[in-house]
Protein backbone atom coordinates (compact mmCIF):
# COMPACT_ATOMS: atom_id res chain seq x y z
CA UNK A 1 4.23 11.72 5.53
CA UNK A 2 6.44 11.52 2.09
CA UNK A 3 5.68 12.01 -1.13
CA UNK A 4 7.64 11.56 -4.62
CA UNK A 5 6.52 11.88 -7.95
CA UNK A 6 7.04 9.83 -11.03
CA UNK A 7 6.75 11.21 -14.28
CA UNK A 8 4.50 7.58 -15.15
CA UNK A 9 2.39 4.92 -13.96
CA UNK A 10 5.31 2.26 -14.99
CA UNK A 11 8.20 4.71 -13.50
CA UNK A 12 5.66 4.82 -9.92
CA UNK A 13 5.26 0.62 -10.43
CA UNK A 14 8.99 0.37 -11.05
CA UNK A 15 10.21 2.74 -7.97
CA UNK A 16 7.73 1.30 -5.03
CA UNK A 17 8.68 -2.24 -6.49
CA UNK A 18 12.26 -1.62 -6.20
CA UNK A 19 11.48 -0.32 -2.97
CA UNK A 20 9.34 -3.38 -1.47
CA UNK A 21 12.26 -5.65 -2.42
CA UNK A 22 14.99 -3.41 -0.65
CA UNK A 23 12.87 -4.01 2.41
CA UNK A 24 12.22 -7.91 2.18
CA UNK A 25 15.95 -8.10 1.41
CA UNK A 26 17.40 -5.96 4.33
CA UNK A 27 15.35 -8.16 6.60
CA UNK A 28 17.12 -9.63 8.86
CA UNK A 29 14.86 -12.36 10.47
CA UNK A 30 15.03 -13.94 13.96
CA UNK A 31 14.09 -16.70 16.06
CA UNK A 32 10.82 -14.45 17.58
CA UNK A 33 10.62 -12.80 13.85
CA UNK A 34 11.24 -15.47 10.93
CA UNK A 35 9.69 -13.58 8.42
CA UNK A 36 9.44 -10.22 6.25
CA UNK A 37 5.11 -9.61 6.41
CA UNK A 38 3.68 -8.03 3.76
CA UNK A 39 0.43 -6.61 3.38
CA UNK A 40 -1.12 -6.67 -0.47
CA UNK A 41 -3.56 -4.26 -2.20
CA UNK A 42 -5.73 -6.18 -5.94
CA UNK A 43 -7.19 -3.57 -8.56
CA UNK A 44 -5.18 -2.20 -11.82
CA UNK A 45 -3.09 0.60 -8.99
CA UNK A 46 -0.71 -2.08 -8.29
CA UNK A 47 -0.16 -4.15 -11.53
CA UNK A 48 2.76 -2.47 -12.06
CA UNK A 49 4.16 -3.31 -9.09
CA UNK A 50 3.39 -6.41 -9.16
CA UNK A 51 5.09 -7.08 -12.96
CA UNK A 52 8.54 -5.40 -12.17
CA UNK A 53 8.78 -7.49 -8.86
CA UNK A 54 7.64 -10.61 -10.44
CA UNK A 55 10.56 -9.25 -12.93
CA UNK A 56 12.67 -8.75 -10.36
CA UNK A 57 12.31 -12.30 -8.87
CA UNK A 58 12.75 -13.71 -12.27
CA UNK A 59 16.50 -12.04 -12.35
CA UNK A 60 17.10 -13.72 -9.04
CA UNK A 61 17.32 -10.15 -7.10
CA UNK A 62 14.59 -11.25 -4.48
CA UNK A 63 12.83 -14.49 -2.93
CA UNK A 64 9.59 -14.82 -1.15
CA UNK A 65 10.66 -18.33 0.82
CA UNK A 66 11.03 -15.52 3.83
CA UNK A 67 7.56 -13.57 2.94
CA UNK A 68 4.40 -14.13 4.53
CA UNK A 69 0.95 -11.52 2.36
CA UNK A 70 -2.04 -10.38 3.37
CA UNK A 71 -4.51 -8.99 1.64
CA UNK A 72 -6.26 -6.21 1.83
CA UNK A 73 -9.99 -7.35 1.37
CA UNK A 74 -12.53 -10.13 -0.81
CA UNK A 75 -15.63 -9.51 -1.85
CA UNK A 76 -19.08 -11.23 -0.51
CA UNK A 77 -20.63 -13.55 -2.06
CA UNK A 78 -18.61 -14.66 -5.22
CA UNK A 79 -16.44 -18.12 -5.25
CA UNK A 80 -13.10 -18.37 -4.86
CA UNK A 81 -12.48 -19.11 -8.69
CA UNK A 82 -15.06 -16.38 -9.92
CA UNK A 83 -12.39 -14.28 -12.33
CA UNK A 84 -12.70 -11.37 -10.58
CA UNK A 85 -12.64 -12.47 -7.13
CA UNK A 86 -9.18 -11.31 -5.58
CA UNK A 87 -7.94 -14.94 -4.98
CA UNK A 88 -7.69 -15.48 -8.85
CA UNK A 89 -6.23 -11.38 -9.07
CA UNK A 90 -3.54 -12.74 -6.94
CA UNK A 91 -2.69 -15.81 -7.99
CA UNK A 92 -3.00 -14.59 -11.55
CA UNK A 93 -0.55 -11.30 -11.44
CA UNK A 94 1.38 -12.73 -8.52
CA UNK A 95 1.59 -15.15 -6.30
CA UNK A 96 1.90 -18.47 -9.43
CA UNK A 97 4.94 -16.37 -10.84
CA UNK A 98 7.28 -16.22 -7.68
CA UNK A 99 8.54 -18.76 -5.11
CA UNK A 100 5.88 -18.24 -2.05
CA UNK A 101 4.55 -21.05 -0.06
CA UNK A 102 0.70 -20.62 -0.85
CA UNK A 103 0.82 -21.51 3.17
CA UNK A 104 1.92 -18.30 3.63
CA UNK A 105 -0.12 -15.93 1.67
CA UNK A 106 -3.40 -15.01 3.51
CA UNK A 107 -6.89 -13.57 2.10
CA UNK A 108 -10.11 -13.03 3.28
CA UNK A 109 -12.67 -15.69 2.77
CA UNK A 110 -15.61 -13.94 1.28
CA UNK A 111 -17.99 -17.02 1.83
CA UNK A 112 -16.91 -17.75 5.26
CA UNK A 113 -19.69 -19.49 6.91
CA UNK A 114 -19.14 -16.71 10.05
CA UNK A 115 -17.97 -13.76 8.19
CA UNK A 116 -17.38 -11.90 11.51
CA UNK A 117 -15.75 -14.85 12.66
CA UNK A 118 -13.34 -14.86 9.63
CA UNK A 119 -12.74 -10.97 10.26
CA UNK A 120 -12.02 -12.05 14.17
CA UNK A 121 -9.36 -14.41 12.77
CA UNK A 122 -8.07 -12.47 10.63
CA UNK A 123 -6.73 -9.73 12.59
CA UNK A 124 -6.08 -12.22 14.88
CA UNK A 125 -3.44 -14.40 12.37
CA UNK A 126 -1.76 -10.59 11.96
CA UNK A 127 -0.86 -9.81 15.71
CA UNK A 128 0.41 -13.78 15.69
CA UNK A 129 3.44 -13.05 13.15
CA UNK A 130 4.24 -10.10 14.38
CA UNK A 131 2.16 -7.42 12.88
CA UNK A 132 3.11 -6.05 9.25
CA UNK A 133 6.23 -4.86 8.43
CA UNK A 134 5.26 -2.80 5.21
CA UNK A 135 1.62 -2.58 4.00
CA UNK A 136 1.49 -1.83 -0.26
CA UNK A 137 -1.87 0.02 -1.11
CA UNK A 138 -4.23 2.76 -2.98
CA UNK A 139 -6.97 4.38 -2.86
CA UNK A 140 -10.02 5.01 -4.47
CA UNK A 141 -10.96 8.26 -6.51
CA UNK A 142 -13.41 9.21 -2.87
CA UNK A 143 -9.93 8.64 -1.02
CA UNK A 144 -10.96 5.47 0.15
CA UNK A 145 -8.13 2.46 1.35
CA UNK A 146 -8.88 -0.89 1.51
CA UNK A 147 -12.68 -0.71 1.01
CA UNK A 148 -13.05 1.60 4.23
CA UNK A 149 -15.55 4.12 2.56
CA UNK A 150 -15.90 7.91 3.19
CA UNK A 151 -17.29 8.15 6.99
CA UNK A 152 -15.52 4.66 7.98
CA UNK A 153 -14.02 4.82 11.28
CA UNK A 154 -10.74 5.37 11.41
CA UNK A 155 -9.71 3.08 14.56
CA UNK A 156 -11.91 0.19 12.40
CA UNK A 157 -10.76 -3.14 12.35
CA UNK A 158 -11.10 -6.11 9.47
CA UNK A 159 -14.87 -6.24 9.33
CA UNK A 160 -17.92 -6.63 6.63
CA UNK A 161 -18.35 -3.67 4.71
CA UNK A 162 -21.11 -2.71 2.10
CA UNK A 163 -19.68 -0.79 -0.12
CA UNK A 164 -20.50 2.92 -1.57
CA UNK A 165 -22.17 3.76 -5.26
CA UNK A 166 -19.32 5.62 -6.33
CA UNK A 167 -17.29 2.11 -6.10
CA UNK A 168 -19.54 -0.02 -7.15
CA UNK A 169 -19.70 2.15 -10.50
CA UNK A 170 -16.07 2.20 -10.50
CA UNK A 171 -15.77 -1.89 -10.22
CA UNK A 172 -18.50 -1.98 -12.72
CA UNK A 173 -15.55 -2.67 -15.45
CA UNK A 174 -14.09 -5.55 -14.03
CA UNK A 175 -17.11 -7.01 -14.58
CA UNK A 176 -18.41 -6.65 -17.82
CA UNK A 177 -19.83 -3.62 -17.25
CA UNK A 178 -22.85 -4.90 -15.67
CA UNK A 179 -23.47 -2.96 -12.59
CA UNK A 180 -26.21 -5.46 -11.16
CA UNK A 181 -22.92 -8.37 -11.15
CA UNK A 182 -20.93 -6.26 -8.73
CA UNK A 183 -21.19 -7.18 -5.50
CA UNK A 184 -22.70 -5.05 -2.64
CA UNK A 185 -20.19 -5.79 -0.14
CA UNK A 186 -17.10 -7.02 1.11
CA UNK A 187 -14.22 -7.92 3.54
CA UNK A 188 -11.75 -5.55 4.38
CA UNK A 189 -8.89 -4.52 6.54
CA UNK A 190 -10.03 -1.45 8.71
CA UNK A 191 -7.98 1.50 9.03
CA UNK A 192 -6.70 1.27 11.99
CA UNK A 193 -5.03 -2.23 10.97
CA UNK A 194 -3.10 -0.60 8.05
CA UNK A 195 -1.99 2.18 10.40
CA UNK A 196 -0.76 -0.62 12.80
CA UNK A 197 2.03 -1.45 9.95
CA UNK A 198 5.42 -0.31 10.42
CA UNK A 199 5.30 1.07 7.35
CA UNK A 200 2.75 2.44 4.51
CA UNK A 201 3.61 2.05 0.67
CA UNK A 202 0.58 4.15 -1.28
CA UNK A 203 0.67 3.55 -5.02
CA UNK A 204 -1.59 6.41 -6.66
CA UNK A 205 -1.63 6.55 -10.35
CA UNK A 206 -3.80 8.70 -12.92
CA UNK A 207 -6.24 11.81 -13.40
CA UNK A 208 -9.10 9.80 -11.74
CA UNK A 209 -7.56 9.72 -8.77
CA UNK A 210 -6.18 13.65 -8.33
CA UNK A 211 -8.91 14.81 -6.66
CA UNK A 212 -8.98 12.24 -4.14
CA UNK A 213 -4.23 12.75 -3.32
CA UNK A 214 -5.56 16.50 -3.17
CA UNK A 215 -7.53 16.04 -0.36
CA UNK A 216 -5.42 13.04 1.72
CA UNK A 217 -2.32 15.43 1.19
CA UNK A 218 -3.72 19.16 1.44
CA UNK A 219 -6.60 18.10 3.57
CA UNK A 220 -6.81 17.49 7.15
CA UNK A 221 -6.94 14.56 8.64
CA UNK A 222 -11.24 13.23 7.98
CA UNK A 223 -12.91 9.98 8.16
CA UNK A 224 -14.65 10.83 4.77
CA UNK A 225 -11.35 10.58 3.19
CA UNK A 226 -10.11 7.50 5.07
CA UNK A 227 -6.43 7.36 3.63
CA UNK A 228 -5.59 10.87 5.16
CA UNK A 229 -5.17 9.19 8.26
CA UNK A 230 -1.55 8.30 6.71
CA UNK A 231 -1.03 11.78 7.41
CA UNK A 232 -0.41 10.72 10.78
CA UNK A 233 1.47 7.70 9.88
CA UNK A 234 5.28 7.77 11.54
CA UNK A 235 6.75 6.54 8.31
CA UNK A 236 3.80 6.76 5.07
CA UNK A 237 5.18 6.97 1.52
CA UNK A 238 3.09 8.11 -1.13
CA UNK A 239 4.39 7.45 -5.09
CA UNK A 240 2.55 9.33 -7.32
CA UNK A 241 2.62 10.48 -11.27
CA UNK A 242 2.32 13.47 -12.75
CA UNK A 243 -1.69 12.73 -13.68
CA UNK A 244 -2.29 12.46 -10.08
CA UNK A 245 -0.86 15.71 -8.95
CA UNK A 246 -3.36 17.37 -11.10
CA UNK A 247 -5.31 18.99 -8.02
CA UNK A 248 -2.22 19.55 -6.33
CA UNK A 249 -1.34 23.05 -5.40
CA UNK A 250 1.87 24.13 -6.99
CA UNK A 251 3.60 25.12 -4.09
CA UNK A 252 2.48 21.60 -2.74
CA UNK A 253 4.30 19.85 -5.50
CA UNK A 254 7.18 22.03 -6.30
CA UNK A 255 7.64 21.57 -1.81
CA UNK A 256 7.38 17.90 -2.04
CA UNK A 257 9.88 17.97 -5.05
CA UNK A 258 12.45 19.42 -3.27
CA UNK A 259 12.97 17.65 -0.64
CA UNK A 260 12.57 14.74 -2.74
CA UNK A 261 16.11 15.62 -4.91
CA UNK A 262 17.39 16.49 -1.81
CA UNK A 263 16.64 12.85 -0.17
CA UNK A 264 17.89 11.54 -3.66
CA UNK A 265 20.72 13.23 -3.59
CA UNK A 266 21.79 12.04 0.53
CA UNK A 267 20.59 8.12 -0.45
CA UNK A 268 23.08 8.53 -3.64
CA UNK A 269 26.05 9.68 -1.46
CA UNK A 270 25.23 7.62 2.23
CA UNK A 271 23.07 4.74 1.37
CA UNK A 272 19.62 4.55 2.22
CA UNK A 273 18.45 7.16 5.16
CA UNK A 274 15.39 5.47 5.00
CA UNK A 275 16.56 2.11 6.39
CA UNK A 276 18.97 4.05 9.69
CA UNK A 277 15.15 5.20 10.38
CA UNK A 278 13.90 1.71 10.40
CA UNK A 279 16.78 0.62 11.96
CA UNK A 280 18.09 -1.39 9.18
CA UNK A 281 21.24 -0.16 9.59
CA UNK A 282 23.52 2.51 11.85
CA UNK A 283 23.31 6.02 11.08
CA UNK A 284 26.10 7.55 10.33
CA UNK A 285 27.14 10.93 11.15
CA UNK A 286 27.05 12.09 7.71
CA UNK A 287 23.68 10.94 6.88
CA UNK A 288 22.41 12.31 10.58
CA UNK A 289 23.65 15.27 9.47
CA UNK A 290 22.51 15.50 5.81
CA UNK A 291 18.85 14.98 7.01
CA UNK A 292 19.31 17.85 9.37
CA UNK A 293 20.39 20.29 6.20
CA UNK A 294 17.00 18.47 4.66
CA UNK A 295 14.89 19.37 7.90
CA UNK A 296 16.64 23.04 7.13
CA UNK A 297 15.41 23.40 3.25
CA UNK A 298 11.53 22.01 4.77
CA UNK A 299 11.77 25.28 6.45
CA UNK A 300 13.02 27.28 3.83
CA UNK A 301 10.58 26.14 1.71
């Protein structure tokens, strides 16, 4: 797992947005896989990411004509056009502002006649397009990812989920602080659904996420902190702001910052080493040598 720290949530948003745009632009479409497949979250954390991506799109630096999206979750029982539905959120803050074909956007239907079938069909749809290339996500204050609340199976798939009371309280602010108006259930991708993505990028900002981040990074893999499953993902990136590091040990923060400095130097000189890891271009001998140096630095800290 790679952790990178930026000063503010705006800088976090810019970093992740530019990272995703690079991934989309580096994607080589083929007959077998004509689309880049992007997993997306909702909530306040990814808003700076979406804002920056929209800006890059307006500047002509990225197109979504060959992108397919799958969202993480949706409430059960509120209309699609409800101001707090995740359908409304995504089209208001992202889809309506870019050149994506609406037919290429996939969101769970919390009002489907058969919710179990809706979840099964969602998993099948992801599989049909060759899986998710990059899943963007966030974490809750209790360390959950998507709506995989504490206690969720780490091998879970898309399903109906009863929300934890802490999550209901946290989401109350989106419903005019009317606790009774907050949905109690949701459809959500599972932890394993996220883990199956070729790459996962997590946005973590704010003091209220600090404890969750420390449990996720410094604790063991634990079904009570479902985001901790990303410790076992072969290509996971966590981007946080300084406020979110307040519960991490000082030496942990120093460790990851030192690695990031070396990583930045390598990428500035030789190009994106992460791209070579993902097979997007051939790794040069110099890059391999520098990555070896990084590993030596890691062992010395």
